[in-house]
């Protein structure tokens, strides 16, 4: 990312963090500690997208956009708390997961608190914005359920994969860009819907590729965790199309959990599915930028473009 853009975005992240700290004031210290463990060092993509989408359409009240973006960040953070419990994750963003430090019950209730707080605050906004965000939240849950249904299956399709990543990742980024647009000008809703959706696909595909590219120090979570959790992602699906033996190996690994077999599968995926997956992520990133190319030139349009580039350039 361009260093000038990067520094400007860092400044806006500080504004998001300040807004979040003003919103999160639970009476329970434990609730705050759980929240703090998962929220620190986050990318803040969703609030930044709300902010930049609104300002790119000449919306003047940046504080209102920051609050709305922070509401979506609370929903995202709540989903991470619950995700880590479902996945029995040990790490989140290179740190011990909140459920490991504080236990399952506080992590569940911490997520519930954040969801409830977000839905209470969104009522202060236009009903159309509230509908967009509430729909995204229940689709997020649908995505989690569908992912559980698909776990350890070797016969899922690429369409099944896209359905899950839309609901698990893209839908909340889509809600962010739509919400920012609705603050400013409903006329461009479709453009910003396409931006957020395609950005979400690019981001999640790249994330799934990172599972085969990185180590725990850079990625911030266990390496190879996707297959260990039974998640058959795009790099694996594309590899299976090219190597007829991979499906049977994968089925055997799911049954026996043989680490040597996992290494063999991982090497095949790196060789036969990784490059194409990265290219598809790039295509979605390009589509995201194309959808808002009509915007007048401004630093906010540049920021939205930079986020789309970051989605595929990042190392973690």
Protein backbone atom coordinates (compact mmCIF):
# COMPACT_ATOMS: atom_id res chain seq x y z
CA UNK A 1 0.00 0.00 0.00
CA UNK A 2 1.12 3.53 -0.78
CA UNK A 3 2.86 4.85 2.41
CA UNK A 4 0.89 8.13 2.32
CA UNK A 5 -2.42 6.26 2.13
CA UNK A 6 -1.26 3.84 4.81
CA UNK A 7 -0.45 6.65 7.26
CA UNK A 8 -3.76 8.38 6.58
CA UNK A 9 -5.69 5.17 7.16
CA UNK A 10 -3.75 4.58 10.41
CA UNK A 11 -4.96 7.98 11.59
CA UNK A 12 -8.56 7.05 10.83
CA UNK A 13 -8.11 3.73 12.66
CA UNK A 14 -7.22 5.76 15.77
CA UNK A 15 -10.51 7.64 15.34
CA UNK A 16 -12.37 4.33 15.12
CA UNK A 17 -10.62 3.07 18.26
CA UNK A 18 -11.56 6.24 20.13
CA UNK A 19 -15.18 5.85 19.05
CA UNK A 20 -15.22 2.21 20.13
CA UNK A 21 -13.80 3.09 23.54
CA UNK A 22 -16.62 5.61 24.00
CA UNK A 23 -19.24 3.02 23.11
CA UNK A 24 -17.94 0.07 25.13
CA UNK A 25 -18.53 0.71 28.82
CA UNK A 26 -19.85 -2.51 30.36
CA UNK A 27 -20.46 -2.62 34.10
CA UNK A 28 -18.62 -5.93 34.28
CA UNK A 29 -14.81 -5.80 34.18
CA UNK A 30 -14.78 -9.37 32.85
CA UNK A 31 -16.96 -8.38 29.88
CA UNK A 32 -14.55 -5.56 29.10
CA UNK A 33 -11.50 -7.81 29.41
CA UNK A 34 -13.03 -10.37 27.03
CA UNK A 35 -13.85 -7.66 24.51
CA UNK A 36 -10.41 -6.07 24.82
CA UNK A 37 -8.63 -9.38 24.21
CA UNK A 38 -10.30 -9.93 20.85
CA UNK A 39 -10.68 -6.36 19.59
CA UNK A 40 -7.12 -5.09 20.02
CA UNK A 41 -4.96 -4.97 16.87
CA UNK A 42 -7.94 -5.48 14.56
CA UNK A 43 -7.84 -4.17 11.00
CA UNK A 44 -11.00 -2.05 11.45
CA UNK A 45 -11.97 -2.68 7.83
CA UNK A 46 -15.70 -2.45 8.41
CA UNK A 47 -15.82 0.94 10.16
CA UNK A 48 -13.29 2.34 7.68
CA UNK A 49 -15.45 1.17 4.78
CA UNK A 50 -18.53 2.81 6.31
CA UNK A 51 -16.58 6.03 6.82
CA UNK A 52 -14.95 6.16 3.39
CA UNK A 53 -18.10 5.09 1.54
CA UNK A 54 -20.05 7.92 3.15
CA UNK A 55 -17.33 10.55 2.71
CA UNK A 56 -16.69 9.55 -0.92
CA UNK A 57 -20.31 10.64 -1.55
CA UNK A 58 -19.74 13.99 0.20
CA UNK A 59 -21.35 13.07 3.53
CA UNK A 60 -20.28 15.69 6.06
CA UNK A 61 -20.84 14.11 9.48
CA UNK A 62 -17.77 11.91 9.94
CA UNK A 63 -18.58 11.31 13.63
CA UNK A 64 -21.94 9.77 12.72
CA UNK A 65 -20.24 7.55 10.15
CA UNK A 66 -17.66 6.48 12.74
CA UNK A 67 -20.38 5.49 15.21
CA UNK A 68 -22.22 3.49 12.55
CA UNK A 69 -19.01 1.79 11.49
CA UNK A 70 -18.20 0.98 15.10
CA UNK A 71 -21.61 -0.65 15.53
CA UNK A 72 -20.78 -3.01 12.67
CA UNK A 73 -17.36 -3.63 14.22
CA UNK A 74 -19.09 -4.72 17.44
CA UNK A 75 -21.09 -7.30 15.48
CA UNK A 76 -17.91 -8.49 13.77
CA UNK A 77 -16.10 -8.75 17.12
CA UNK A 78 -19.00 -10.69 18.65
CA UNK A 79 -18.89 -13.13 15.75
CA UNK A 80 -15.14 -13.65 16.29
CA UNK A 81 -15.69 -14.48 19.94
CA UNK A 82 -18.28 -17.07 19.00
CA UNK A 83 -16.21 -18.37 16.04
CA UNK A 84 -13.26 -19.10 18.29
CA UNK A 85 -15.44 -21.07 20.67
CA UNK A 86 -17.01 -23.08 17.84
CA UNK A 87 -13.58 -23.78 16.33
CA UNK A 88 -11.88 -24.34 19.70
CA UNK A 89 -9.31 -21.85 18.46
CA UNK A 90 -6.15 -21.31 20.47
CA UNK A 91 -5.11 -18.02 18.87
CA UNK A 92 -6.69 -14.86 17.51
CA UNK A 93 -4.50 -12.32 15.71
CA UNK A 94 -1.33 -13.83 17.16
CA UNK A 95 -2.62 -13.74 20.74
CA UNK A 96 -4.34 -16.35 22.87
CA UNK A 97 -8.04 -16.46 22.09
CA UNK A 98 -10.42 -14.99 24.68
CA UNK A 99 -12.09 -18.38 25.27
CA UNK A 100 -8.70 -19.85 26.21
CA UNK A 101 -7.85 -17.07 28.67
CA UNK A 102 -11.26 -16.43 30.25
CA UNK A 103 -13.19 -19.62 29.49
CA UNK A 104 -16.10 -20.48 27.24
CA UNK A 105 -18.92 -18.97 29.30
CA UNK A 106 -17.47 -15.43 29.55
CA UNK A 107 -16.57 -15.52 25.83
CA UNK A 108 -20.11 -16.55 24.84
CA UNK A 109 -21.69 -13.91 27.06
CA UNK A 110 -19.17 -11.31 25.91
CA UNK A 111 -20.26 -11.92 22.33
CA UNK A 112 -23.94 -11.75 23.35
CA UNK A 113 -23.30 -8.43 25.08
CA UNK A 114 -21.69 -6.94 21.97
CA UNK A 115 -24.50 -8.14 19.68
CA UNK A 116 -27.13 -6.70 22.01
CA UNK A 117 -25.32 -3.39 22.35
CA UNK A 118 -24.93 -3.07 18.57
CA UNK A 119 -28.60 -3.73 17.87
CA UNK A 120 -29.64 -1.26 20.53
CA UNK A 121 -27.48 1.51 19.06
CA UNK A 122 -28.39 0.90 15.41
CA UNK A 123 -31.97 1.90 16.24
CA UNK A 124 -30.73 5.50 16.31
CA UNK A 125 -30.17 5.30 12.55
CA UNK A 126 -32.47 5.18 9.54
CA UNK A 127 -34.64 2.04 9.36
CA UNK A 128 -33.11 1.02 6.01
CA UNK A 129 -29.64 1.02 7.56
CA UNK A 130 -30.91 -1.01 10.51
CA UNK A 131 -32.46 -3.54 8.10
CA UNK A 132 -29.20 -3.92 6.18
CA UNK A 133 -27.17 -4.53 9.34
CA UNK A 134 -29.66 -6.86 11.03
CA UNK A 135 -29.99 -8.94 7.84
CA UNK A 136 -26.21 -9.22 7.63
CA UNK A 137 -26.08 -10.42 11.23
CA UNK A 138 -28.53 -13.27 10.78
CA UNK A 139 -26.91 -14.27 7.48
CA UNK A 140 -23.61 -14.39 9.37
CA UNK A 141 -25.16 -17.00 11.66
CA UNK A 142 -26.51 -18.90 8.64
CA UNK A 143 -23.00 -18.99 7.21
CA UNK A 144 -21.64 -20.46 10.43
CA UNK A 145 -24.29 -23.18 10.41
CA UNK A 146 -23.70 -23.98 6.74
CA UNK A 147 -19.96 -24.23 7.39
CA UNK A 148 -20.60 -26.72 10.18
CA UNK A 149 -22.86 -28.74 7.86
CA UNK A 150 -20.12 -28.81 5.20
CA UNK A 151 -17.33 -29.75 7.61
CA UNK A 152 -15.31 -32.88 6.80
CA UNK A 153 -17.17 -33.39 3.52
CA UNK A 154 -15.26 -34.02 0.30
CA UNK A 155 -18.20 -33.58 -2.05
CA UNK A 156 -18.97 -29.89 -1.53
CA UNK A 157 -19.01 -27.72 -4.64
CA UNK A 158 -17.45 -24.37 -5.43
CA UNK A 159 -20.98 -22.89 -5.26
CA UNK A 160 -21.29 -24.28 -1.72
CA UNK A 161 -17.98 -22.62 -0.88
CA UNK A 162 -19.04 -19.23 -2.26
CA UNK A 163 -22.34 -19.41 -0.39
CA UNK A 164 -20.50 -19.89 2.91
CA UNK A 165 -17.90 -17.17 2.38
CA UNK A 166 -20.56 -14.72 1.24
CA UNK A 167 -22.48 -15.21 4.46
CA UNK A 168 -19.47 -15.54 6.76
CA UNK A 169 -17.34 -12.68 5.42
CA UNK A 170 -18.66 -10.77 2.45
CA UNK A 171 -22.10 -9.98 3.87
CA UNK A 172 -20.75 -7.80 6.70
CA UNK A 173 -18.36 -5.93 4.39
CA UNK A 174 -21.26 -5.48 1.98
CA UNK A 175 -23.41 -4.13 4.83
CA UNK A 176 -20.61 -1.70 5.71
CA UNK A 177 -20.35 -0.20 2.24
CA UNK A 178 -24.13 -0.08 1.78
CA UNK A 179 -24.60 1.58 5.18
CA UNK A 180 -22.01 4.25 4.38
CA UNK A 181 -23.74 4.87 1.07
CA UNK A 182 -27.18 5.11 2.69
CA UNK A 183 -25.89 7.79 5.05
CA UNK A 184 -25.03 9.91 2.04
CA UNK A 185 -26.97 8.99 -1.12
CA UNK A 186 -29.23 5.97 -1.66
CA UNK A 187 -28.92 6.40 -5.45
CA UNK A 188 -25.59 4.54 -5.49
CA UNK A 189 -26.60 1.64 -3.26
CA UNK A 190 -26.07 -1.02 -5.95
CA UNK A 191 -22.53 0.19 -6.66
CA UNK A 192 -21.53 0.04 -3.01
CA UNK A 193 -23.27 -3.31 -2.57
CA UNK A 194 -21.06 -4.69 -5.36
CA UNK A 195 -17.98 -3.09 -3.82
CA UNK A 196 -18.51 -4.69 -0.42
CA UNK A 197 -19.53 -8.10 -1.76
CA UNK A 198 -16.59 -8.42 -4.15
CA UNK A 199 -14.19 -7.10 -1.52
CA UNK A 200 -15.49 -9.76 0.86
CA UNK A 201 -14.90 -12.53 -1.67
CA UNK A 202 -11.38 -11.25 -2.37
CA UNK A 203 -10.60 -10.98 1.32
CA UNK A 204 -11.85 -14.45 2.28
CA UNK A 205 -10.28 -16.25 -0.67
CA UNK A 206 -6.96 -14.61 0.17
CA UNK A 207 -7.46 -15.62 3.81
CA UNK A 208 -8.00 -19.21 2.73
CA UNK A 209 -4.86 -19.04 0.61
CA UNK A 210 -2.85 -17.74 3.56
CA UNK A 211 -3.54 -21.00 5.37
CA UNK A 212 -1.19 -22.59 2.84
CA UNK A 213 1.32 -19.73 2.67
CA UNK A 214 2.04 -18.59 6.22
CA UNK A 215 3.14 -19.71 9.66
CA UNK A 216 1.59 -19.03 13.06
CA UNK A 217 3.85 -16.03 13.72
CA UNK A 218 2.72 -14.16 10.60
CA UNK A 219 -0.83 -15.45 10.24
CA UNK A 220 -1.83 -15.26 13.90
CA UNK A 221 -3.54 -18.64 13.97
CA UNK A 222 -2.61 -22.29 13.72
CA UNK A 223 -1.19 -23.28 10.34
CA UNK A 224 -3.22 -25.90 8.48
CA UNK A 225 -6.12 -25.24 10.83
CA UNK A 226 -8.67 -25.18 7.99
CA UNK A 227 -8.20 -28.84 7.03
CA UNK A 228 -7.85 -29.84 10.67
CA UNK A 229 -11.28 -28.28 11.22
CA UNK A 230 -12.67 -30.00 8.14
CA UNK A 231 -12.91 -26.82 6.05
CA UNK A 232 -12.56 -27.56 2.34
CA UNK A 233 -11.70 -24.17 0.87
CA UNK A 234 -11.17 -22.90 -2.68
CA UNK A 235 -7.49 -23.90 -3.04
CA UNK A 236 -8.44 -27.46 -2.08
CA UNK A 237 -11.48 -27.57 -4.38
CA UNK A 238 -9.46 -26.35 -7.35
CA UNK A 239 -6.72 -28.85 -6.57
CA UNK A 240 -9.23 -31.70 -6.49
CA UNK A 241 -10.35 -30.73 -10.00
CA UNK A 242 -6.76 -31.19 -11.20
CA UNK A 243 -5.73 -34.23 -9.16
CA UNK A 244 -8.23 -37.10 -9.02
CA UNK A 245 -6.37 -38.77 -6.15
CA UNK A 246 -6.67 -35.81 -3.80
CA UNK A 247 -10.31 -36.41 -2.91
CA UNK A 248 -9.60 -39.92 -1.60
CA UNK A 249 -6.55 -38.68 0.30
CA UNK A 250 -8.62 -35.95 1.88
CA UNK A 251 -11.34 -38.39 2.87
CA UNK A 252 -8.71 -40.65 4.43
CA UNK A 253 -7.18 -37.74 6.33
CA UNK A 254 -10.57 -36.74 7.75
CA UNK A 255 -11.01 -40.31 9.00
CA UNK A 256 -7.49 -40.97 10.35
CA UNK A 257 -6.04 -37.48 11.07
CA UNK A 258 -2.63 -38.66 9.83
CA UNK A 259 -0.23 -35.67 9.93
CA UNK A 260 1.93 -37.15 7.16
CA UNK A 261 -1.12 -37.33 4.93
CA UNK A 262 -1.95 -33.74 5.82
CA UNK A 263 1.52 -32.67 4.68
CA UNK A 264 1.04 -34.50 1.37
CA UNK A 265 -2.34 -32.84 0.82
CA UNK A 266 -0.98 -29.43 1.73
CA UNK A 267 1.90 -29.76 -0.74
CA UNK A 268 -0.52 -30.77 -3.51
CA UNK A 269 -2.76 -27.78 -2.77
CA UNK A 270 0.23 -25.43 -2.87
CA UNK A 271 1.25 -26.83 -6.23
CA UNK A 272 -2.12 -27.17 -7.97
CA UNK A 273 -4.69 -24.86 -6.40
CA UNK A 274 -2.98 -21.95 -4.71
CA UNK A 275 -1.97 -19.83 -7.70
CA UNK A 276 -5.39 -20.00 -9.36
CA UNK A 277 -7.11 -19.14 -6.08
CA UNK A 278 -4.93 -16.06 -5.64
CA UNK A 279 -5.78 -14.98 -9.19
CA UNK A 280 -9.49 -15.33 -8.48
CA UNK A 281 -9.08 -13.21 -5.35
CA UNK A 282 -7.40 -10.57 -7.52
CA UNK A 283 -10.32 -10.64 -9.96
CA UNK A 284 -12.79 -9.98 -7.15
CA UNK A 285 -10.61 -7.12 -5.90
CA UNK A 286 -10.63 -5.60 -9.39
CA UNK A 287 -14.42 -5.94 -9.56
CA UNK A 288 -14.74 -4.14 -6.24
CA UNK A 289 -12.73 -1.19 -7.55
CA UNK A 290 -14.61 -1.17 -10.85
CA UNK A 291 -17.97 -0.89 -9.09
CA UNK A 292 -17.04 2.48 -7.55
CA UNK A 293 -14.90 3.80 -10.39
CA UNK A 294 -17.68 6.29 -11.19
CA UNK A 295 -16.86 8.27 -8.03
CA UNK A 296 -15.22 11.65 -8.40
CA UNK A 297 -11.52 11.52 -7.63
CA UNK A 298 -10.93 12.03 -3.93
CA UNK A 299 -8.77 10.67 -1.16
CA UNK A 300 -11.75 8.63 0.07
CA UNK A 301 -12.12 6.86 -3.25
CA UNK A 302 -8.37 6.23 -3.12
CA UNK A 303 -8.77 4.75 0.36
CA UNK A 304 -11.51 2.38 -0.84
CA UNK A 305 -9.30 1.33 -3.76
CA UNK A 306 -6.38 0.82 -1.35
CA UNK A 307 -8.49 -1.44 0.88
CA UNK A 308 -9.38 -3.57 -2.16
CA UNK A 309 -5.68 -3.86 -3.02
CA UNK A 310 -4.79 -4.64 0.58
CA UNK A 311 -7.28 -7.53 0.61
CA UNK A 312 -5.05 -9.48 -1.78
CA UNK A 313 -1.62 -8.06 -0.93
CA UNK A 314 -1.66 -8.75 2.81
CA UNK A 315 0.44 -11.41 4.50
CA UNK A 316 -1.90 -12.04 7.43
